[in-house]
């Protein structure tokens, strides 16, 4: 069982410091039992970041229901992220299926604008974290959860794009909106790990029962962009993967 004191010590040891802008992707199941539950994880991070820091987490939904940033639950983001957006003072972006939540000094700036056609673009919350020299903590998860790699794909204008149908409410009327997305299985995002290691800009540490990774968002974008410039399909699987096979067939929209 991890206590708050142990969490704070582990978070500091992996590299988290006061004043940072930090995006966290997490799996409490992989970390193990924590006294105080997901709230303790969040409180520990906020305590370290302090008044000058900002904590950011994914707050994405299934897209199957009308999105309301005040009520719509996350989908597949984990209990820490689901708990986070519901806490007092936490702000949430209004993108219908790629929302992020933030708390702290730059929270409003990060979530205030989230263009519907840029779910992970430079003006999205994850793009704002990058622009603010943010860091990434993969807490008990790997790079297949690292949304910043989608930012690199967006910045490099990868050809594998499609559209997802989202329900929106407009003056009481429900309408369907086609939202552009970069879509594939993301398993090959793990290819970023050795690239970051080679560059010497990745810290890997065991926290609880799971391995965690800490890095700068700019380093992730840099190493991913080098590969995408050589091969825009670098992160797509080459084996029998239905999602990546479908992605290869996408026709870029003009």
Protein backbone atom coordinates (compact mmCIF):
# COMPACT_ATOMS: atom_id res chain seq x y z
CA UNK A 1 0.00 0.00 0.00
CA UNK A 2 1.37 3.39 -1.02
CA UNK A 3 0.90 6.39 1.24
CA UNK A 4 0.79 10.03 0.22
CA UNK A 5 4.28 10.60 1.63
CA UNK A 6 5.63 7.75 -0.49
CA UNK A 7 3.88 9.10 -3.59
CA UNK A 8 5.30 12.58 -3.07
CA UNK A 9 8.78 11.13 -2.63
CA UNK A 10 8.45 8.96 -5.75
CA UNK A 11 7.04 11.79 -7.85
CA UNK A 12 9.89 14.09 -6.86
CA UNK A 13 12.44 11.35 -7.51
CA UNK A 14 11.17 10.77 -11.04
CA UNK A 15 11.59 14.47 -11.80
CA UNK A 16 8.38 16.37 -11.01
CA UNK A 17 9.12 19.84 -9.64
CA UNK A 18 7.34 22.92 -8.42
CA UNK A 19 5.99 25.19 -11.17
CA UNK A 20 5.88 22.60 -13.92
CA UNK A 21 3.07 22.17 -16.41
CA UNK A 22 2.46 18.43 -16.19
CA UNK A 23 0.15 16.15 -18.17
CA UNK A 24 -0.49 12.79 -16.51
CA UNK A 25 -1.75 9.58 -18.14
CA UNK A 26 -2.37 6.92 -15.54
CA UNK A 27 -3.57 3.47 -14.51
CA UNK A 28 -4.18 3.05 -10.80
CA UNK A 29 -4.76 -0.65 -11.43
CA UNK A 30 -1.15 -1.04 -12.56
CA UNK A 31 0.22 1.06 -9.69
CA UNK A 32 -1.62 -0.83 -6.98
CA UNK A 33 -3.55 0.11 -3.86
CA UNK A 34 -3.01 3.63 -2.60
CA UNK A 35 -4.23 4.76 0.78
CA UNK A 36 -6.73 7.49 0.00
CA UNK A 37 -7.32 6.29 -3.56
CA UNK A 38 -7.14 8.43 -6.70
CA UNK A 39 -7.66 11.64 -4.74
CA UNK A 40 -4.36 11.02 -2.97
CA UNK A 41 -2.53 10.74 -6.30
CA UNK A 42 -4.01 14.05 -7.43
CA UNK A 43 -3.33 15.81 -4.14
CA UNK A 44 0.27 14.59 -4.15
CA UNK A 45 0.88 15.97 -7.64
CA UNK A 46 -0.78 19.31 -6.88
CA UNK A 47 1.24 19.64 -3.68
CA UNK A 48 4.51 19.26 -5.58
CA UNK A 49 3.53 21.52 -8.49
CA UNK A 50 2.45 24.29 -6.13
CA UNK A 51 0.67 27.53 -6.96
CA UNK A 52 2.84 28.19 -10.02
CA UNK A 53 2.30 24.74 -11.51
CA UNK A 54 -0.49 23.23 -13.60
CA UNK A 55 -1.82 19.67 -13.62
CA UNK A 56 -3.44 18.34 -16.82
CA UNK A 57 -5.15 15.03 -17.52
CA UNK A 58 -7.03 13.52 -20.47
CA UNK A 59 -10.80 13.75 -20.10
CA UNK A 60 -11.90 12.04 -23.30
CA UNK A 61 -15.30 10.47 -23.74
CA UNK A 62 -16.81 7.73 -25.87
CA UNK A 63 -18.48 10.23 -28.20
CA UNK A 64 -21.64 8.11 -28.15
CA UNK A 65 -23.65 10.59 -26.07
CA UNK A 66 -24.14 14.35 -26.20
CA UNK A 67 -21.08 15.89 -24.57
CA UNK A 68 -21.55 18.12 -21.54
CA UNK A 69 -18.23 19.08 -19.89
CA UNK A 70 -20.04 19.31 -16.54
CA UNK A 71 -21.50 15.80 -16.56
CA UNK A 72 -20.21 13.49 -19.30
CA UNK A 73 -17.89 10.81 -17.84
CA UNK A 74 -14.55 9.92 -19.35
CA UNK A 75 -14.12 6.68 -21.27
CA UNK A 76 -11.05 4.48 -20.80
CA UNK A 77 -8.98 7.23 -19.13
CA UNK A 78 -8.70 5.52 -15.74
CA UNK A 79 -10.09 6.33 -12.30
CA UNK A 80 -7.51 9.06 -11.56
CA UNK A 81 -8.47 11.08 -14.66
CA UNK A 82 -12.17 10.43 -14.05
CA UNK A 83 -11.83 11.69 -10.47
CA UNK A 84 -9.71 14.69 -11.46
CA UNK A 85 -12.14 16.52 -13.77
CA UNK A 86 -14.90 16.35 -11.15
CA UNK A 87 -12.86 18.12 -8.43
CA UNK A 88 -13.57 21.76 -7.44
CA UNK A 89 -11.50 24.25 -9.40
CA UNK A 90 -10.67 21.85 -12.25
CA UNK A 91 -11.50 23.17 -15.72
CA UNK A 92 -12.43 21.00 -18.70
CA UNK A 93 -12.21 21.71 -22.41
CA UNK A 94 -15.33 21.40 -24.54
CA UNK A 95 -14.16 19.11 -27.32
CA UNK A 96 -16.90 16.48 -27.75
CA UNK A 97 -14.61 13.44 -27.65
CA UNK A 98 -11.04 14.63 -26.98
CA UNK A 99 -11.49 16.85 -23.91
CA UNK A 100 -8.73 17.56 -21.38
CA UNK A 101 -9.00 18.81 -17.80
CA UNK A 102 -6.60 21.14 -16.02
CA UNK A 103 -5.98 22.71 -12.62
CA UNK A 104 -3.56 25.45 -11.64
CA UNK A 105 -1.88 28.55 -12.99
CA UNK A 106 -2.33 27.88 -16.73
CA UNK A 107 -5.52 25.81 -16.52
CA UNK A 108 -7.75 28.37 -18.24
CA UNK A 109 -5.22 29.04 -20.98
CA UNK A 110 -4.85 25.31 -21.65
CA UNK A 111 -8.55 24.41 -21.89
CA UNK A 112 -10.13 27.71 -23.03
CA UNK A 113 -9.73 26.96 -26.71
CA UNK A 114 -10.03 23.45 -28.14
CA UNK A 115 -10.82 23.59 -31.86
CA UNK A 116 -13.13 20.82 -32.95
CA UNK A 117 -10.95 20.18 -36.03
CA UNK A 118 -7.78 19.96 -33.91
CA UNK A 119 -8.44 17.34 -31.23
CA UNK A 120 -4.68 16.96 -30.67
CA UNK A 121 -3.35 19.90 -32.71
CA UNK A 122 -1.11 22.77 -31.70
CA UNK A 123 -4.05 24.81 -30.34
CA UNK A 124 -5.53 21.90 -28.40
CA UNK A 125 -4.83 21.42 -24.66
CA UNK A 126 -2.04 18.94 -25.38
CA UNK A 127 -0.61 21.44 -27.86
CA UNK A 128 -0.75 24.16 -25.19
CA UNK A 129 1.14 21.92 -22.76
CA UNK A 130 3.82 21.53 -25.41
CA UNK A 131 3.97 25.30 -25.97
CA UNK A 132 4.31 25.86 -22.21
CA UNK A 133 7.38 23.57 -22.08
CA UNK A 134 5.31 20.93 -20.31
CA UNK A 135 6.28 17.53 -18.99
CA UNK A 136 4.60 14.14 -19.31
CA UNK A 137 4.15 11.50 -16.63
CA UNK A 138 3.07 8.05 -17.78
CA UNK A 139 1.98 6.65 -14.42
CA UNK A 140 1.71 2.89 -14.76
CA UNK A 141 1.01 3.14 -18.50
CA UNK A 142 3.14 3.10 -21.63
CA UNK A 143 3.41 5.32 -24.70
CA UNK A 144 0.26 3.92 -26.28
CA UNK A 145 -1.42 6.36 -23.86
CA UNK A 146 0.89 9.26 -24.73
CA UNK A 147 -1.35 11.79 -26.49
CA UNK A 148 1.63 14.04 -27.25
CA UNK A 149 2.61 11.61 -30.01
CA UNK A 150 -0.73 12.42 -31.67
CA UNK A 151 0.37 16.06 -31.47
CA UNK A 152 3.53 15.14 -33.37
CA UNK A 153 1.40 13.37 -35.99
CA UNK A 154 -0.79 16.45 -36.31
CA UNK A 155 2.18 18.82 -36.61
CA UNK A 156 3.62 16.59 -39.33
CA UNK A 157 0.30 16.39 -41.17
CA UNK A 158 0.15 12.59 -41.38
CA UNK A 159 -2.16 11.31 -44.13
CA UNK A 160 -4.07 8.77 -42.05
CA UNK A 161 -7.08 10.84 -40.98
CA UNK A 162 -10.76 10.03 -40.87
CA UNK A 163 -13.93 11.42 -39.33
CA UNK A 164 -15.85 10.46 -36.22
CA UNK A 165 -19.54 11.30 -35.84
CA UNK A 166 -20.27 13.22 -32.63
CA UNK A 167 -23.59 14.31 -31.15
CA UNK A 168 -23.90 17.96 -30.11
CA UNK A 169 -26.74 19.94 -28.59
CA UNK A 170 -27.41 23.35 -30.14
CA UNK A 171 -30.25 25.40 -28.61
CA UNK A 172 -31.99 22.23 -27.59
CA UNK A 173 -31.56 20.61 -30.97
CA UNK A 174 -29.39 17.51 -31.30
CA UNK A 175 -27.16 17.45 -34.34
CA UNK A 176 -24.46 15.18 -35.69
CA UNK A 177 -21.03 16.68 -36.33
CA UNK A 178 -18.20 15.06 -38.26
CA UNK A 179 -15.01 15.50 -36.23
CA UNK A 180 -11.64 14.89 -37.96
CA UNK A 181 -9.41 12.47 -36.06
CA UNK A 182 -6.06 10.75 -36.44
CA UNK A 183 -6.97 7.15 -35.83
CA UNK A 184 -5.02 3.90 -35.48
CA UNK A 185 -4.27 1.36 -32.75
CA UNK A 186 -1.37 3.36 -31.17
CA UNK A 187 0.52 0.20 -30.19
CA UNK A 188 3.53 1.37 -32.20
CA UNK A 189 3.80 4.49 -30.06
CA UNK A 190 6.07 2.26 -27.97
CA UNK A 191 8.73 2.91 -30.65
CA UNK A 192 9.23 6.34 -29.06
CA UNK A 193 10.68 4.84 -25.87
CA UNK A 194 14.05 3.67 -27.25
CA UNK A 195 14.37 6.93 -29.20
CA UNK A 196 13.96 8.92 -25.99
CA UNK A 197 16.38 6.63 -24.18
CA UNK A 198 18.98 7.09 -26.90
CA UNK A 199 18.60 10.85 -26.56
CA UNK A 200 19.01 10.55 -22.78
CA UNK A 201 15.77 12.38 -22.01
CA UNK A 202 13.60 9.65 -20.47
CA UNK A 203 13.37 8.75 -16.79
CA UNK A 204 11.91 5.33 -15.99
CA UNK A 205 11.09 4.39 -12.42
CA UNK A 206 8.94 1.93 -10.55
CA UNK A 207 6.10 3.55 -8.62
CA UNK A 208 4.04 1.10 -6.65
CA UNK A 209 3.65 -2.09 -8.67
CA UNK A 210 4.04 -0.44 -12.06
CA UNK A 211 6.69 1.22 -14.16
CA UNK A 212 6.32 4.93 -14.82
CA UNK A 213 8.01 7.22 -17.34
CA UNK A 214 8.76 10.95 -17.21
CA UNK A 215 9.82 13.20 -20.10
CA UNK A 216 9.49 16.62 -21.73
CA UNK A 217 6.71 17.07 -24.27
CA UNK A 218 9.13 18.81 -26.62
CA UNK A 219 11.46 15.80 -26.62
CA UNK A 220 8.58 13.50 -27.55
CA UNK A 221 7.57 15.77 -30.43
CA UNK A 222 11.20 16.07 -31.57
CA UNK A 223 12.00 12.35 -31.72
CA UNK A 224 8.62 11.46 -33.23
CA UNK A 225 8.90 14.19 -35.85
CA UNK A 226 12.30 12.97 -37.02
CA UNK A 227 10.77 9.58 -37.83
CA UNK A 228 7.54 10.94 -39.31
CA UNK A 229 9.47 13.15 -41.71
CA UNK A 230 11.22 10.02 -43.01
CA UNK A 231 8.09 7.87 -43.03
CA UNK A 232 4.65 9.38 -42.29
CA UNK A 233 3.34 5.87 -41.58
CA UNK A 234 6.04 5.17 -38.96
CA UNK A 235 3.58 4.54 -36.13
CA UNK A 236 1.22 2.26 -38.06
CA UNK A 237 1.45 -1.49 -37.61
CA UNK A 238 2.65 -3.50 -40.60
CA UNK A 239 1.11 -6.78 -39.47
CA UNK A 240 -2.52 -7.89 -39.43
CA UNK A 241 -3.94 -4.91 -37.52
CA UNK A 242 -7.44 -3.92 -38.58
CA UNK A 243 -7.23 -0.32 -37.30
CA UNK A 244 -3.86 0.40 -38.91
CA UNK A 245 -4.84 -1.31 -42.15
CA UNK A 246 -7.92 0.90 -42.27
CA UNK A 247 -5.80 3.96 -41.45
CA UNK A 248 -3.55 3.29 -44.45
CA UNK A 249 -6.57 3.56 -46.68
CA UNK A 250 -7.59 7.01 -45.55
CA UNK A 251 -7.60 9.69 -48.22
CA UNK A 252 -6.35 13.07 -46.97
CA UNK A 253 -8.98 15.78 -47.05
CA UNK A 254 -8.15 19.01 -48.84
